[in-house]
Amino acid sequence: MADDAAPLPPLRKLPRRRSMIELHYNVDDSFRMIGAVAQDANFRRDVHDVFNLLALVPIVVLNAANWHWDLLLTGRVAPSPTPTHPNPNPNRRTS
């Protein structure tokens, strides 16, 4: 049965993996940085960046506005001076 098996294909050589420096800078053979890689014009990337600035930054700001900063900074909650929703009739069901 071993003779009926097809021979394995030859191993292919993988390309050399580029370092993080090579992804962002032009380097010569002795790995000296020549300059930054020129970025190509990419409309979709630019639209994505504008979306991040116009939509996601305000969402993060509104999210941070809802945090309990006194709990985060001091570890204890400041007492509330008055209840936020007083119930004048505790025996009456609201739902």
Protein backbone atom coordinates (compact mmCIF):
# COMPACT_ATOMS: atom_id res chain seq x y z
CA MET A 1 0.00 0.00 0.00
CA ALA A 2 2.85 2.40 0.68
CA ASP A 3 3.94 2.10 -2.96
CA ASP A 4 0.51 3.28 -4.18
CA ALA A 5 0.73 6.63 -2.34
CA ALA A 6 1.39 9.67 -4.47
CA PRO A 7 4.73 11.40 -3.87
CA LEU A 8 4.64 14.57 -1.81
CA PRO A 9 4.99 17.84 -3.71
CA PRO A 10 8.27 19.70 -3.21
CA LEU A 11 8.32 22.19 -0.34
CA ARG A 12 7.90 25.75 -1.48
CA LYS A 13 10.11 28.44 -0.09
CA LEU A 14 8.27 31.07 1.97
CA PRO A 15 9.16 34.70 1.40
CA ARG A 16 11.18 36.43 4.11
CA ARG A 17 8.96 38.13 6.67
CA ARG A 18 9.37 41.91 6.80
CA SER A 19 10.06 43.58 10.13
CA MET A 20 7.92 46.38 11.56
CA ILE A 21 10.63 48.88 10.64
CA GLU A 22 10.58 47.71 7.02
CA LEU A 23 6.80 48.15 6.90
CA HIS A 24 7.07 51.86 7.76
CA TYR A 25 10.54 52.91 6.52
CA ASN A 26 12.68 52.34 3.45
CA VAL A 27 15.84 50.49 4.47
CA ASP A 28 18.94 49.57 2.53
CA ASP A 29 20.82 46.24 2.51
CA SER A 30 22.68 47.04 5.73
CA PHE A 31 19.31 47.83 7.41
CA ARG A 32 19.88 51.60 7.62
CA MET A 33 16.75 53.73 7.44
CA ILE A 34 16.61 55.85 4.30
CA GLY A 35 13.25 57.53 4.89
CA ALA A 36 9.57 56.96 5.46
CA VAL A 37 7.57 54.84 3.04
CA ALA A 38 5.36 57.01 0.83
CA GLN A 39 1.69 56.37 1.57
CA ASP A 40 -0.54 55.75 -1.42
CA ALA A 41 -3.75 57.69 -1.94
CA ASN A 42 -6.55 55.56 -0.48
CA PHE A 43 -10.00 57.16 -0.38
CA ARG A 44 -11.56 54.38 1.72
CA ARG A 45 -8.88 54.73 4.40
CA ASP A 46 -9.38 58.50 4.48
CA VAL A 47 -13.16 58.10 4.83
CA HIS A 48 -12.60 55.60 7.64
CA ASP A 49 -10.29 58.04 9.46
CA VAL A 50 -12.82 60.88 9.13
CA PHE A 51 -15.55 58.58 10.44
CA ASN A 52 -13.38 57.76 13.46
CA LEU A 53 -12.92 61.44 14.24
CA LEU A 54 -16.52 62.53 13.67
CA ALA A 55 -18.42 59.59 15.12
CA LEU A 56 -16.28 57.60 17.52
CA VAL A 57 -14.59 60.43 19.43
CA PRO A 58 -17.94 61.97 20.56
CA ILE A 59 -19.15 58.51 21.57
CA VAL A 60 -16.08 58.04 23.76
CA VAL A 61 -16.57 61.50 25.29
CA LEU A 62 -20.24 60.80 26.06
CA ASN A 63 -19.30 57.42 27.48
CA ALA A 64 -16.71 59.00 29.80
CA ALA A 65 -19.28 61.60 30.90
CA ASN A 66 -21.45 58.80 32.30
CA TRP A 67 -18.74 57.28 34.47
CA HIS A 68 -18.71 57.69 38.26
CA TRP A 69 -15.48 59.66 38.47
CA ASP A 70 -15.51 59.98 42.26
CA LEU A 71 -15.73 56.18 42.50
CA LEU A 72 -12.90 55.74 40.00
CA LEU A 73 -10.60 58.35 41.51
CA THR A 74 -11.20 57.95 45.26
CA GLY A 75 -12.73 54.48 45.53
CA ARG A 76 -15.90 55.68 47.28
CA VAL A 77 -19.16 57.20 46.09
CA ALA A 78 -20.13 60.66 47.29
CA PRO A 79 -23.53 60.64 49.02
CA SER A 80 -26.41 62.04 47.01
CA PRO A 81 -28.03 65.08 48.74
CA THR A 82 -31.57 64.20 47.60
CA PRO A 83 -33.06 61.12 46.00
CA THR A 84 -33.29 61.45 42.25
CA HIS A 85 -36.78 59.89 41.93
CA PRO A 86 -38.71 60.08 45.19
CA ASN A 87 -41.75 57.86 45.45
CA PRO A 88 -44.51 59.81 47.27
CA ASN A 89 -46.70 56.75 47.74
CA PRO A 90 -44.64 53.60 48.41
CA ASN A 91 -47.77 51.39 48.52
CA ARG A 92 -48.88 52.30 44.98
CA ARG A 93 -47.57 50.14 42.15
CA THR A 94 -46.10 52.08 39.25
CA SER A 95 -46.28 49.35 36.60
